[in-house]
């Protein structure tokens, strides 16, 4: 299987997104976490909705503030490709949202270098975390947003189910450009998971000291 297979990247993004969401609901199940989750859900579902408009898929229901955020839509007027783009829209939409926040709200406070290979997805999260400064508000904005990156970027199980055939085809499609975009999304979700694990560890230590 080609190492820059788009299918592999999408599956890994989905799996890491699931792990991120599971950590939130299993170990960080607090009101603040729930509120932050809806920020990610808003970006995720809005990305679906925007692509529906471009692909000619009529939106029948758009819900964010519910236990199961979702967008119900009819079939795209562009067969196969349209459905795939709608399902994978949160990857690009989430990355664009984070870029706009960093560029316009934070004044390019964080620098994200390009990912050139698979090995970068393991070093990129630590490179990003090294830029955090807990004494500056910009870092806290990004930390709060990162609690939602898994929900924001990761295609859901339903998204994958809707386009299972295109995903199979994507396992045999190679594209350095789109693979690098996917690897950037994957590295951001891994950064999210590292932050979650650190906070979980801190909470465990606090609970241990209290007992």
N, C-alpha and C. Protein backbone atom coordinates (compact mmCIF):
# COMPACT_ATOMS: atom_id res chain seq x y z
N UNK A 1 0.85 -1.20 0.00
CA UNK A 1 0.00 0.00 0.00
C UNK A 1 0.88 1.24 0.00
N UNK A 2 0.63 2.21 -0.89
CA UNK A 2 1.46 3.41 -0.96
C UNK A 2 1.43 4.18 0.34
N UNK A 3 2.59 4.71 0.71
CA UNK A 3 2.70 5.41 1.99
C UNK A 3 1.98 6.75 1.99
N UNK A 4 1.71 7.30 0.80
CA UNK A 4 0.96 8.56 0.76
C UNK A 4 -0.46 8.32 0.28
N UNK A 5 -1.01 7.14 0.61
CA UNK A 5 -2.38 6.79 0.27
C UNK A 5 -3.35 7.67 1.05
N UNK A 6 -4.27 8.31 0.35
CA UNK A 6 -5.25 9.17 1.01
C UNK A 6 -6.18 8.36 1.90
N UNK A 7 -6.46 7.12 1.50
CA UNK A 7 -7.33 6.27 2.31
C UNK A 7 -6.75 6.01 3.68
N UNK A 8 -5.45 5.72 3.73
CA UNK A 8 -4.79 5.46 5.01
C UNK A 8 -4.86 6.70 5.91
N UNK A 9 -4.60 7.86 5.33
CA UNK A 9 -4.60 9.10 6.10
C UNK A 9 -5.99 9.37 6.68
N UNK A 10 -7.02 9.20 5.88
CA UNK A 10 -8.39 9.47 6.35
C UNK A 10 -8.78 8.52 7.47
N UNK A 11 -8.43 7.25 7.35
CA UNK A 11 -8.75 6.28 8.40
C UNK A 11 -8.03 6.65 9.70
N UNK A 12 -6.76 7.05 9.61
CA UNK A 12 -6.00 7.42 10.80
C UNK A 12 -6.56 8.68 11.45
N UNK A 13 -7.00 9.64 10.64
CA UNK A 13 -7.62 10.84 11.19
C UNK A 13 -8.89 10.47 11.94
N UNK A 14 -9.68 9.59 11.35
CA UNK A 14 -10.93 9.17 11.98
C UNK A 14 -10.68 8.45 13.30
N UNK A 15 -9.71 7.53 13.31
CA UNK A 15 -9.40 6.78 14.53
C UNK A 15 -8.88 7.68 15.64
N UNK A 16 -7.97 8.60 15.28
CA UNK A 16 -7.42 9.49 16.31
C UNK A 16 -8.50 10.45 16.81
N UNK A 17 -9.40 10.87 15.93
CA UNK A 17 -10.51 11.71 16.36
C UNK A 17 -11.42 10.98 17.33
N UNK A 18 -11.64 9.69 17.08
CA UNK A 18 -12.46 8.88 17.99
C UNK A 18 -11.78 8.79 19.36
N UNK A 19 -10.47 8.57 19.38
CA UNK A 19 -9.73 8.47 20.65
C UNK A 19 -9.83 9.79 21.41
N UNK A 20 -9.69 10.90 20.70
CA UNK A 20 -9.78 12.21 21.34
C UNK A 20 -11.14 12.42 21.99
N UNK A 21 -12.21 12.12 21.24
CA UNK A 21 -13.56 12.29 21.78
C UNK A 21 -13.82 11.34 22.95
N UNK A 22 -13.31 10.12 22.86
CA UNK A 22 -13.48 9.15 23.94
C UNK A 22 -12.80 9.63 25.22
N UNK A 23 -11.60 10.19 25.11
CA UNK A 23 -10.90 10.71 26.28
C UNK A 23 -11.68 11.83 26.94
N UNK A 24 -12.28 12.69 26.11
CA UNK A 24 -13.08 13.77 26.67
C UNK A 24 -14.26 13.25 27.48
N UNK A 25 -15.00 12.33 26.90
CA UNK A 25 -16.22 11.86 27.55
C UNK A 25 -15.93 10.87 28.67
N UNK A 26 -14.81 10.19 28.63
CA UNK A 26 -14.49 9.20 29.66
C UNK A 26 -13.78 9.81 30.86
N UNK A 27 -12.85 10.73 30.62
CA UNK A 27 -12.03 11.27 31.70
C UNK A 27 -12.18 12.77 31.92
N UNK A 28 -12.71 13.49 30.95
CA UNK A 28 -12.82 14.94 31.07
C UNK A 28 -14.27 15.36 30.86
N UNK A 29 -15.15 14.65 31.50
CA UNK A 29 -16.58 14.85 31.31
C UNK A 29 -17.09 15.95 32.25
N UNK A 30 -16.79 17.19 31.86
CA UNK A 30 -17.18 18.35 32.66
C UNK A 30 -18.01 19.30 31.80
N UNK A 31 -18.70 20.22 32.46
CA UNK A 31 -19.56 21.16 31.74
C UNK A 31 -18.75 22.00 30.76
N UNK A 32 -17.56 22.45 31.18
CA UNK A 32 -16.72 23.25 30.28
C UNK A 32 -16.35 22.45 29.04
N UNK A 33 -16.01 21.18 29.23
CA UNK A 33 -15.66 20.32 28.11
C UNK A 33 -16.83 20.18 27.15
N UNK A 34 -18.03 20.04 27.71
CA UNK A 34 -19.22 19.93 26.87
C UNK A 34 -19.43 21.19 26.04
N UNK A 35 -19.26 22.35 26.67
CA UNK A 35 -19.43 23.61 25.95
C UNK A 35 -18.40 23.74 24.83
N UNK A 36 -17.17 23.38 25.14
CA UNK A 36 -16.11 23.46 24.13
C UNK A 36 -16.35 22.48 22.99
N UNK A 37 -16.94 21.34 23.32
CA UNK A 37 -17.23 20.32 22.30
C UNK A 37 -18.12 20.90 21.21
N UNK A 38 -19.08 21.76 21.60
CA UNK A 38 -20.01 22.30 20.62
C UNK A 38 -19.34 23.29 19.68
N UNK A 39 -18.21 23.86 20.10
CA UNK A 39 -17.45 24.70 19.18
C UNK A 39 -16.91 23.83 18.04
N UNK A 40 -16.32 22.70 18.42
CA UNK A 40 -15.84 21.77 17.41
C UNK A 40 -16.96 21.23 16.56
N UNK A 41 -18.10 20.91 17.19
CA UNK A 41 -19.25 20.39 16.45
C UNK A 41 -19.78 21.42 15.46
N UNK A 42 -19.79 22.70 15.89
CA UNK A 42 -20.25 23.77 14.99
C UNK A 42 -19.38 23.84 13.73
N UNK A 43 -18.06 23.81 13.93
CA UNK A 43 -17.15 23.87 12.77
C UNK A 43 -17.32 22.62 11.90
N UNK A 44 -17.43 21.47 12.55
CA UNK A 44 -17.57 20.19 11.84
C UNK A 44 -18.84 20.18 10.98
N UNK A 45 -19.97 20.45 11.61
CA UNK A 45 -21.24 20.38 10.89
C UNK A 45 -21.39 21.51 9.88
N UNK A 46 -20.86 22.67 10.20
CA UNK A 46 -20.92 23.79 9.25
C UNK A 46 -20.10 23.49 8.01
N UNK A 47 -18.99 22.78 8.18
CA UNK A 47 -18.18 22.38 7.02
C UNK A 47 -18.97 21.45 6.11
N UNK A 48 -19.69 20.50 6.72
CA UNK A 48 -20.58 19.63 5.92
C UNK A 48 -21.60 20.48 5.17
N UNK A 49 -22.24 21.40 5.90
CA UNK A 49 -23.32 22.19 5.32
C UNK A 49 -22.83 23.04 4.15
N UNK A 50 -21.68 23.67 4.30
CA UNK A 50 -21.14 24.53 3.24
C UNK A 50 -20.86 23.72 1.98
N UNK A 51 -20.27 22.53 2.16
CA UNK A 51 -19.99 21.69 1.00
C UNK A 51 -21.27 21.17 0.37
N UNK A 52 -22.31 20.97 1.18
CA UNK A 52 -23.61 20.57 0.63
C UNK A 52 -24.10 21.63 -0.36
N UNK A 53 -23.94 22.89 0.01
CA UNK A 53 -24.38 23.98 -0.86
C UNK A 53 -23.60 23.98 -2.17
N UNK A 54 -22.30 23.75 -2.08
CA UNK A 54 -21.47 23.74 -3.28
C UNK A 54 -21.73 22.52 -4.16
N UNK A 55 -22.08 21.40 -3.53
CA UNK A 55 -22.28 20.16 -4.27
C UNK A 55 -23.73 19.93 -4.68
N UNK A 56 -24.59 20.90 -4.39
CA UNK A 56 -25.98 20.78 -4.79
C UNK A 56 -26.77 19.76 -4.01
N UNK A 57 -26.38 19.52 -2.76
CA UNK A 57 -27.11 18.57 -1.90
C UNK A 57 -28.01 19.36 -0.96
N UNK A 58 -29.31 19.26 -1.13
CA UNK A 58 -30.25 20.04 -0.32
C UNK A 58 -30.17 19.64 1.15
N UNK A 59 -30.01 20.63 2.02
CA UNK A 59 -29.92 20.38 3.47
C UNK A 59 -31.33 20.27 4.04
N UNK A 60 -31.61 19.17 4.72
CA UNK A 60 -32.92 18.95 5.31
C UNK A 60 -32.93 19.23 6.81
N UNK A 61 -31.78 19.07 7.45
CA UNK A 61 -31.70 19.34 8.89
C UNK A 61 -30.28 19.67 9.27
N UNK A 62 -30.14 20.70 10.10
CA UNK A 62 -28.81 21.14 10.57
C UNK A 62 -28.92 21.35 12.07
N UNK A 63 -28.24 20.50 12.85
CA UNK A 63 -28.30 20.58 14.30
C UNK A 63 -26.90 20.54 14.89
N UNK A 64 -26.63 21.48 15.77
CA UNK A 64 -25.34 21.52 16.47
C UNK A 64 -25.54 21.34 17.97
N UNK A 65 -26.46 22.11 18.54
CA UNK A 65 -26.69 22.08 19.98
C UNK A 65 -27.64 20.94 20.34
N UNK A 66 -27.18 19.72 20.13
CA UNK A 66 -27.95 18.53 20.48
C UNK A 66 -26.97 17.46 20.93
N UNK A 67 -27.49 16.38 21.49
CA UNK A 67 -26.61 15.29 21.94
C UNK A 67 -25.91 14.62 20.77
N UNK A 68 -26.51 14.69 19.59
CA UNK A 68 -25.93 14.12 18.38
C UNK A 68 -25.94 15.17 17.27
N UNK A 69 -24.96 16.08 17.27
CA UNK A 69 -24.91 17.09 16.20
C UNK A 69 -24.84 16.42 14.82
N UNK A 70 -25.56 16.96 13.84
CA UNK A 70 -25.56 16.33 12.53
C UNK A 70 -26.13 17.26 11.47
N UNK A 71 -25.87 16.89 10.23
CA UNK A 71 -26.47 17.53 9.08
C UNK A 71 -27.09 16.45 8.22
N UNK A 72 -28.39 16.54 8.00
CA UNK A 72 -29.08 15.62 7.10
C UNK A 72 -29.25 16.31 5.75
N UNK A 73 -28.88 15.62 4.70
CA UNK A 73 -28.97 16.23 3.38
C UNK A 73 -29.31 15.17 2.33
N UNK A 74 -29.78 15.65 1.21
CA UNK A 74 -30.08 14.75 0.10
C UNK A 74 -28.79 14.46 -0.68
N UNK A 75 -28.92 13.62 -1.66
CA UNK A 75 -27.76 13.23 -2.46
C UNK A 75 -27.18 14.43 -3.21
N UNK A 76 -25.87 14.42 -3.35
CA UNK A 76 -25.21 15.46 -4.12
C UNK A 76 -25.55 15.33 -5.60
N UNK A 77 -25.60 16.47 -6.30
CA UNK A 77 -25.83 16.45 -7.74
C UNK A 77 -24.60 15.97 -8.51
N UNK A 78 -23.48 15.89 -7.78
CA UNK A 78 -22.25 15.36 -8.38
C UNK A 78 -22.02 13.98 -7.78
N UNK A 79 -22.34 12.92 -8.51
CA UNK A 79 -22.26 11.56 -7.96
C UNK A 79 -20.86 11.22 -7.43
N UNK A 80 -20.83 10.46 -6.38
CA UNK A 80 -19.62 9.89 -5.79
C UNK A 80 -18.67 10.96 -5.25
N UNK A 81 -18.15 11.80 -6.14
CA UNK A 81 -17.18 12.82 -5.72
C UNK A 81 -17.83 13.82 -4.77
N UNK A 82 -19.05 14.24 -5.11
CA UNK A 82 -19.74 15.20 -4.26
C UNK A 82 -19.98 14.67 -2.87
N UNK A 83 -20.42 13.41 -2.76
CA UNK A 83 -20.68 12.80 -1.46
C UNK A 83 -19.38 12.68 -0.65
N UNK A 84 -18.29 12.33 -1.33
CA UNK A 84 -17.00 12.20 -0.65
C UNK A 84 -16.53 13.54 -0.11
N UNK A 85 -16.66 14.59 -0.92
CA UNK A 85 -16.21 15.91 -0.49
C UNK A 85 -17.03 16.42 0.69
N UNK A 86 -18.33 16.13 0.69
CA UNK A 86 -19.18 16.53 1.81
C UNK A 86 -18.76 15.81 3.08
N UNK A 87 -18.48 14.51 2.98
CA UNK A 87 -18.11 13.72 4.15
C UNK A 87 -16.76 14.13 4.72
N UNK A 88 -15.82 14.49 3.84
CA UNK A 88 -14.47 14.84 4.30
C UNK A 88 -14.30 16.33 4.53
N UNK A 89 -15.36 17.11 4.36
CA UNK A 89 -15.28 18.57 4.49
C UNK A 89 -14.73 19.05 5.83
N UNK A 90 -15.04 18.38 6.97
CA UNK A 90 -14.52 18.88 8.25
C UNK A 90 -13.00 18.91 8.35
N UNK A 91 -12.31 18.08 7.59
CA UNK A 91 -10.84 18.09 7.64
C UNK A 91 -10.34 19.45 7.15
N UNK A 92 -10.80 19.85 5.97
CA UNK A 92 -10.38 21.15 5.44
C UNK A 92 -11.02 22.31 6.19
N UNK A 93 -12.31 22.15 6.55
CA UNK A 93 -13.00 23.22 7.26
C UNK A 93 -12.39 23.49 8.62
N UNK A 94 -12.02 22.42 9.33
CA UNK A 94 -11.41 22.57 10.65
C UNK A 94 -10.04 23.21 10.57
N UNK A 95 -9.25 22.78 9.59
CA UNK A 95 -7.92 23.39 9.41
C UNK A 95 -8.04 24.86 9.06
N UNK A 96 -9.00 25.19 8.19
CA UNK A 96 -9.21 26.59 7.81
C UNK A 96 -9.64 27.42 9.01
N UNK A 97 -10.53 26.88 9.84
CA UNK A 97 -10.99 27.60 11.03
C UNK A 97 -9.83 27.90 11.96
N UNK A 98 -8.99 26.89 12.23
CA UNK A 98 -7.85 27.09 13.12
C UNK A 98 -6.86 28.09 12.55
N UNK A 99 -6.67 28.03 11.23
CA UNK A 99 -5.77 29.00 10.58
C UNK A 99 -6.30 30.42 10.74
N UNK A 100 -7.60 30.61 10.51
CA UNK A 100 -8.20 31.94 10.60
C UNK A 100 -8.12 32.48 12.03
N UNK A 101 -8.37 31.63 13.02
CA UNK A 101 -8.26 32.06 14.42
C UNK A 101 -6.83 32.48 14.73
N UNK A 102 -5.88 31.65 14.32
CA UNK A 102 -4.47 31.95 14.60
C UNK A 102 -4.02 33.21 13.87
N UNK A 103 -4.47 33.37 12.63
CA UNK A 103 -4.00 34.50 11.82
C UNK A 103 -4.65 35.81 12.22
N UNK A 104 -5.97 35.81 12.36
CA UNK A 104 -6.68 37.06 12.58
C UNK A 104 -6.91 37.38 14.06
N UNK A 105 -7.16 36.37 14.87
CA UNK A 105 -7.45 36.62 16.29
C UNK A 105 -6.17 36.62 17.13
N UNK A 106 -5.21 35.76 16.75
CA UNK A 106 -4.00 35.63 17.56
C UNK A 106 -2.78 36.28 16.91
N UNK A 107 -2.95 36.86 15.72
CA UNK A 107 -1.84 37.54 15.07
C UNK A 107 -0.69 36.62 14.71
N UNK A 108 -1.02 35.43 14.18
CA UNK A 108 -0.01 34.43 13.81
C UNK A 108 0.91 34.11 14.99
N UNK A 109 0.30 33.95 16.13
CA UNK A 109 1.05 33.65 17.35
C UNK A 109 1.76 32.30 17.24
N UNK A 110 1.09 31.34 16.62
CA UNK A 110 1.67 30.00 16.46
C UNK A 110 2.15 29.81 15.04
N UNK A 111 3.30 29.17 14.91
CA UNK A 111 3.89 28.91 13.61
C UNK A 111 3.76 27.41 13.32
N UNK A 112 3.12 27.09 12.21
CA UNK A 112 2.94 25.70 11.82
C UNK A 112 3.71 25.44 10.54
N UNK A 113 4.81 24.74 10.65
CA UNK A 113 5.60 24.42 9.47
C UNK A 113 4.96 23.27 8.71
N UNK A 114 5.33 23.16 7.45
CA UNK A 114 4.75 22.12 6.60
C UNK A 114 5.20 20.74 7.04
N UNK A 115 4.35 19.77 6.78
CA UNK A 115 4.70 18.38 7.06
C UNK A 115 5.20 17.76 5.78
N UNK A 116 6.39 17.22 5.82
CA UNK A 116 7.00 16.69 4.62
C UNK A 116 6.97 15.17 4.54
N UNK A 117 6.77 14.49 5.68
CA UNK A 117 6.75 13.03 5.67
C UNK A 117 5.97 12.52 6.88
N UNK A 118 5.79 11.20 6.93
CA UNK A 118 5.02 10.58 8.00
C UNK A 118 5.66 10.77 9.37
N UNK A 119 6.98 10.79 9.40
CA UNK A 119 7.66 10.95 10.68
C UNK A 119 7.35 12.28 11.35
N UNK A 120 6.98 13.27 10.54
CA UNK A 120 6.69 14.60 11.09
C UNK A 120 5.47 14.62 11.99
N UNK A 121 4.54 13.67 11.79
CA UNK A 121 3.32 13.71 12.60
C UNK A 121 3.62 13.40 14.07
N UNK A 122 4.78 12.79 14.34
CA UNK A 122 5.16 12.49 15.72
C UNK A 122 5.97 13.61 16.35
N UNK A 123 6.66 14.38 15.53
CA UNK A 123 7.44 15.50 16.05
C UNK A 123 6.65 16.81 16.05
N UNK A 124 5.70 16.93 15.12
CA UNK A 124 4.92 18.16 15.00
C UNK A 124 4.15 18.51 16.27
N UNK A 125 3.48 17.54 16.94
CA UNK A 125 2.76 17.90 18.17
C UNK A 125 3.66 18.50 19.24
N UNK A 126 4.87 17.96 19.40
CA UNK A 126 5.80 18.50 20.40
C UNK A 126 6.32 19.87 19.98
N UNK A 127 6.48 20.07 18.67
CA UNK A 127 6.91 21.38 18.18
C UNK A 127 5.84 22.43 18.47
N UNK A 128 4.59 22.04 18.30
CA UNK A 128 3.50 22.98 18.60
C UNK A 128 3.42 23.26 20.09
N UNK A 129 3.47 22.19 20.91
CA UNK A 129 3.37 22.36 22.36
C UNK A 129 4.50 23.21 22.91
N UNK A 130 5.65 23.17 22.27
CA UNK A 130 6.79 23.96 22.74
C UNK A 130 6.53 25.46 22.57
N UNK A 131 5.55 25.82 21.75
CA UNK A 131 5.24 27.24 21.53
C UNK A 131 4.24 27.78 22.56
N UNK A 132 3.66 26.89 23.36
CA UNK A 132 2.69 27.34 24.35
C UNK A 132 3.37 28.07 25.50
N UNK A 133 2.75 29.14 25.90
CA UNK A 133 3.23 29.92 27.05
C UNK A 133 2.01 30.21 27.92
N UNK A 134 1.92 29.53 29.05
CA UNK A 134 0.73 29.63 29.89
C UNK A 134 0.54 31.00 30.52
N UNK A 135 1.52 31.88 30.36
CA UNK A 135 1.39 33.24 30.88
C UNK A 135 0.76 34.19 29.85
N UNK A 136 0.51 33.67 28.65
CA UNK A 136 -0.05 34.51 27.60
C UNK A 136 -1.42 33.98 27.17
N UNK A 137 -2.36 34.88 26.96
CA UNK A 137 -3.74 34.49 26.68
C UNK A 137 -3.89 33.73 25.37
N UNK A 138 -3.01 34.01 24.40
CA UNK A 138 -3.11 33.33 23.11
C UNK A 138 -2.99 31.81 23.27
N UNK A 139 -2.09 31.41 24.17
CA UNK A 139 -1.91 29.98 24.40
C UNK A 139 -3.16 29.34 24.98
N UNK A 140 -3.83 30.04 25.87
CA UNK A 140 -5.04 29.50 26.49
C UNK A 140 -6.18 29.39 25.48
N UNK A 141 -6.26 30.35 24.56
CA UNK A 141 -7.28 30.26 23.51
C UNK A 141 -7.07 28.99 22.70
N UNK A 142 -5.82 28.72 22.33
CA UNK A 142 -5.54 27.56 21.49
C UNK A 142 -5.73 26.26 22.27
N UNK A 143 -5.36 26.26 23.54
CA UNK A 143 -5.56 25.06 24.36
C UNK A 143 -7.04 24.72 24.45
N UNK A 144 -7.88 25.74 24.66
CA UNK A 144 -9.32 25.51 24.74
C UNK A 144 -9.87 24.99 23.42
N UNK A 145 -9.40 25.55 22.31
CA UNK A 145 -9.85 25.07 21.01
C UNK A 145 -9.40 23.63 20.75
N UNK A 146 -8.24 23.29 21.28
CA UNK A 146 -7.72 21.97 21.00
C UNK A 146 -8.49 20.85 21.70
N UNK A 147 -9.30 21.19 22.67
CA UNK A 147 -10.14 20.16 23.27
C UNK A 147 -11.19 19.65 22.29
N UNK A 148 -11.35 20.37 21.19
CA UNK A 148 -12.39 20.02 20.23
C UNK A 148 -11.84 19.55 18.89
N UNK A 149 -10.54 19.50 18.75
CA UNK A 149 -9.97 19.22 17.43
C UNK A 149 -10.39 17.85 16.91
N UNK A 150 -10.49 16.87 17.80
CA UNK A 150 -10.92 15.55 17.36
C UNK A 150 -12.31 15.58 16.77
N UNK A 151 -13.23 16.29 17.45
CA UNK A 151 -14.59 16.43 16.95
C UNK A 151 -14.64 17.35 15.73
N UNK A 152 -13.74 18.31 15.69
CA UNK A 152 -13.73 19.31 14.64
C UNK A 152 -13.25 18.74 13.30
N UNK A 153 -12.15 18.01 13.34
CA UNK A 153 -11.49 17.56 12.11
C UNK A 153 -11.85 16.14 11.70
N UNK A 154 -12.07 15.29 12.68
CA UNK A 154 -12.22 13.87 12.39
C UNK A 154 -13.56 13.50 11.80
N UNK A 155 -13.58 12.84 10.63
CA UNK A 155 -14.84 12.33 10.09
C UNK A 155 -15.47 11.34 11.07
N UNK A 156 -16.78 11.41 11.23
CA UNK A 156 -17.47 10.48 12.14
C UNK A 156 -17.64 9.13 11.47
N UNK A 157 -18.08 8.15 12.26
CA UNK A 157 -18.34 6.82 11.70
C UNK A 157 -19.41 6.90 10.61
N UNK A 158 -20.39 7.77 10.82
CA UNK A 158 -21.45 7.95 9.82
C UNK A 158 -20.89 8.55 8.54
N UNK A 159 -19.96 9.52 8.70
CA UNK A 159 -19.34 10.12 7.52
C UNK A 159 -18.64 9.06 6.68
N UNK A 160 -17.91 8.17 7.36
CA UNK A 160 -17.19 7.12 6.64
C UNK A 160 -18.14 6.12 6.01
N UNK A 161 -19.21 5.79 6.74
CA UNK A 161 -20.20 4.84 6.23
C UNK A 161 -20.85 5.35 4.96
N UNK A 162 -21.07 6.66 4.90
CA UNK A 162 -21.74 7.25 3.73
C UNK A 162 -20.89 7.16 2.47
N UNK A 163 -19.58 7.06 2.65
CA UNK A 163 -18.69 7.08 1.47
C UNK A 163 -17.69 5.92 1.53
N UNK A 164 -18.17 4.75 1.95
CA UNK A 164 -17.24 3.61 2.11
C UNK A 164 -16.58 3.23 0.78
N UNK A 165 -17.32 3.34 -0.32
CA UNK A 165 -16.74 2.95 -1.61
C UNK A 165 -15.64 3.91 -2.06
N UNK A 166 -15.86 5.25 -1.99
CA UNK A 166 -14.76 6.16 -2.33
C UNK A 166 -13.53 5.98 -1.44
N UNK A 167 -13.76 5.63 -0.16
CA UNK A 167 -12.62 5.42 0.73
C UNK A 167 -11.77 4.25 0.25
N UNK A 168 -12.44 3.18 -0.17
CA UNK A 168 -11.69 2.02 -0.70
C UNK A 168 -10.85 2.46 -1.90
N UNK A 169 -11.44 3.27 -2.77
CA UNK A 169 -10.70 3.75 -3.94
C UNK A 169 -9.52 4.63 -3.53
N UNK A 170 -9.73 5.43 -2.46
CA UNK A 170 -8.68 6.34 -2.02
C UNK A 170 -7.46 5.62 -1.45
N UNK A 171 -7.63 4.35 -1.07
CA UNK A 171 -6.48 3.58 -0.62
C UNK A 171 -5.46 3.39 -1.75
N UNK A 172 -5.91 3.56 -2.97
CA UNK A 172 -5.03 3.36 -4.12
C UNK A 172 -4.75 4.66 -4.85
N UNK A 173 -5.13 5.77 -4.22
CA UNK A 173 -4.87 7.10 -4.80
C UNK A 173 -3.74 7.76 -4.03
N UNK A 174 -2.74 8.23 -4.76
CA UNK A 174 -1.61 8.90 -4.14
C UNK A 174 -1.61 10.38 -4.51
N UNK A 175 -1.49 11.22 -3.50
CA UNK A 175 -1.42 12.66 -3.73
C UNK A 175 -0.62 13.28 -2.60
N UNK A 176 0.58 13.72 -2.91
CA UNK A 176 1.45 14.31 -1.89
C UNK A 176 0.80 15.54 -1.26
N UNK A 177 0.17 16.37 -2.08
CA UNK A 177 -0.44 17.61 -1.59
C UNK A 177 -1.55 17.31 -0.57
N UNK A 178 -2.51 16.50 -0.97
CA UNK A 178 -3.64 16.22 -0.08
C UNK A 178 -3.24 15.33 1.10
N UNK A 179 -2.26 14.46 0.88
CA UNK A 179 -1.77 13.65 1.99
C UNK A 179 -1.13 14.52 3.06
N UNK A 180 -0.36 15.54 2.64
CA UNK A 180 0.27 16.44 3.60
C UNK A 180 -0.76 17.25 4.38
N UNK A 181 -1.85 17.62 3.71
CA UNK A 181 -2.94 18.31 4.42
C UNK A 181 -3.54 17.38 5.47
N UNK A 182 -3.75 16.12 5.07
CA UNK A 182 -4.29 15.15 6.01
C UNK A 182 -3.35 14.89 7.18
N UNK A 183 -2.06 14.83 6.90
CA UNK A 183 -1.08 14.61 7.97
C UNK A 183 -1.04 15.79 8.93
N UNK A 184 -1.26 17.00 8.42
CA UNK A 184 -1.33 18.16 9.31
C UNK A 184 -2.52 18.02 10.25
N UNK A 185 -3.67 17.62 9.70
CA UNK A 185 -4.86 17.40 10.54
C UNK A 185 -4.59 16.32 11.57
N UNK A 186 -3.94 15.25 11.16
CA UNK A 186 -3.63 14.15 12.07
C UNK A 186 -2.70 14.62 13.18
N UNK A 187 -1.70 15.42 12.85
CA UNK A 187 -0.75 15.89 13.86
C UNK A 187 -1.44 16.81 14.87
N UNK A 188 -2.43 17.58 14.41
CA UNK A 188 -3.15 18.47 15.32
C UNK A 188 -4.03 17.67 16.29
N UNK A 189 -4.63 16.59 15.79
CA UNK A 189 -5.42 15.74 16.68
C UNK A 189 -4.52 15.05 17.69
N UNK A 190 -3.33 14.64 17.27
CA UNK A 190 -2.38 14.03 18.21
C UNK A 190 -1.93 15.05 19.25
N UNK A 191 -1.78 16.31 18.84
CA UNK A 191 -1.48 17.37 19.80
C UNK A 191 -2.61 17.48 20.82
N UNK A 192 -3.83 17.45 20.32
CA UNK A 192 -5.02 17.46 21.16
C UNK A 192 -4.96 16.33 22.19
N UNK A 193 -4.63 15.14 21.74
CA UNK A 193 -4.59 13.97 22.63
C UNK A 193 -3.51 14.12 23.69
N UNK A 194 -2.35 14.67 23.31
CA UNK A 194 -1.28 14.89 24.29
C UNK A 194 -1.72 15.87 25.38
N UNK A 195 -2.41 16.94 24.99
CA UNK A 195 -2.92 17.90 25.97
C UNK A 195 -3.93 17.23 26.89
N UNK A 196 -4.81 16.43 26.32
CA UNK A 196 -5.80 15.72 27.11
C UNK A 196 -5.13 14.79 28.13
N UNK A 197 -4.16 14.02 27.67
CA UNK A 197 -3.47 13.08 28.55
C UNK A 197 -2.76 13.80 29.69
N UNK A 198 -2.18 14.95 29.38
CA UNK A 198 -1.48 15.73 30.41
C UNK A 198 -2.47 16.21 31.47
N UNK A 199 -3.60 16.72 31.04
CA UNK A 199 -4.60 17.21 31.99
C UNK A 199 -5.20 16.06 32.80
N UNK A 200 -5.43 14.94 32.14
CA UNK A 200 -5.93 13.76 32.86
C UNK A 200 -4.95 13.34 33.95
N UNK A 201 -3.66 13.36 33.62
CA UNK A 201 -2.62 13.01 34.59
C UNK A 201 -2.64 13.97 35.77
N UNK A 202 -2.74 15.26 35.49
CA UNK A 202 -2.79 16.27 36.56
C UNK A 202 -3.99 16.04 37.46
N UNK A 203 -5.14 15.76 36.88
CA UNK A 203 -6.34 15.52 37.65
C UNK A 203 -6.22 14.26 38.53
N UNK A 204 -5.58 13.23 37.96
CA UNK A 204 -5.35 12.01 38.72
C UNK A 204 -4.45 12.26 39.93
N UNK A 205 -3.41 13.06 39.72
CA UNK A 205 -2.49 13.39 40.82
C UNK A 205 -3.20 14.18 41.89
N UNK A 206 -4.02 15.17 41.47
CA UNK A 206 -4.77 15.97 42.43
C UNK A 206 -5.72 15.11 43.26
N UNK A 207 -6.44 14.21 42.58
CA UNK A 207 -7.36 13.31 43.29
C UNK A 207 -6.63 12.38 44.24
N UNK A 208 -5.44 11.95 43.83
CA UNK A 208 -4.64 11.06 44.68
C UNK A 208 -4.19 11.79 45.95
N UNK A 209 -3.74 13.03 45.78
CA UNK A 209 -3.28 13.82 46.92
C UNK A 209 -4.42 14.16 47.87
N UNK A 210 -5.61 14.30 47.35
CA UNK A 210 -6.76 14.60 48.19
C UNK A 210 -7.25 13.39 48.99
N UNK A 211 -7.00 12.21 48.46
CA UNK A 211 -7.51 10.99 49.11
C UNK A 211 -6.65 10.58 50.32
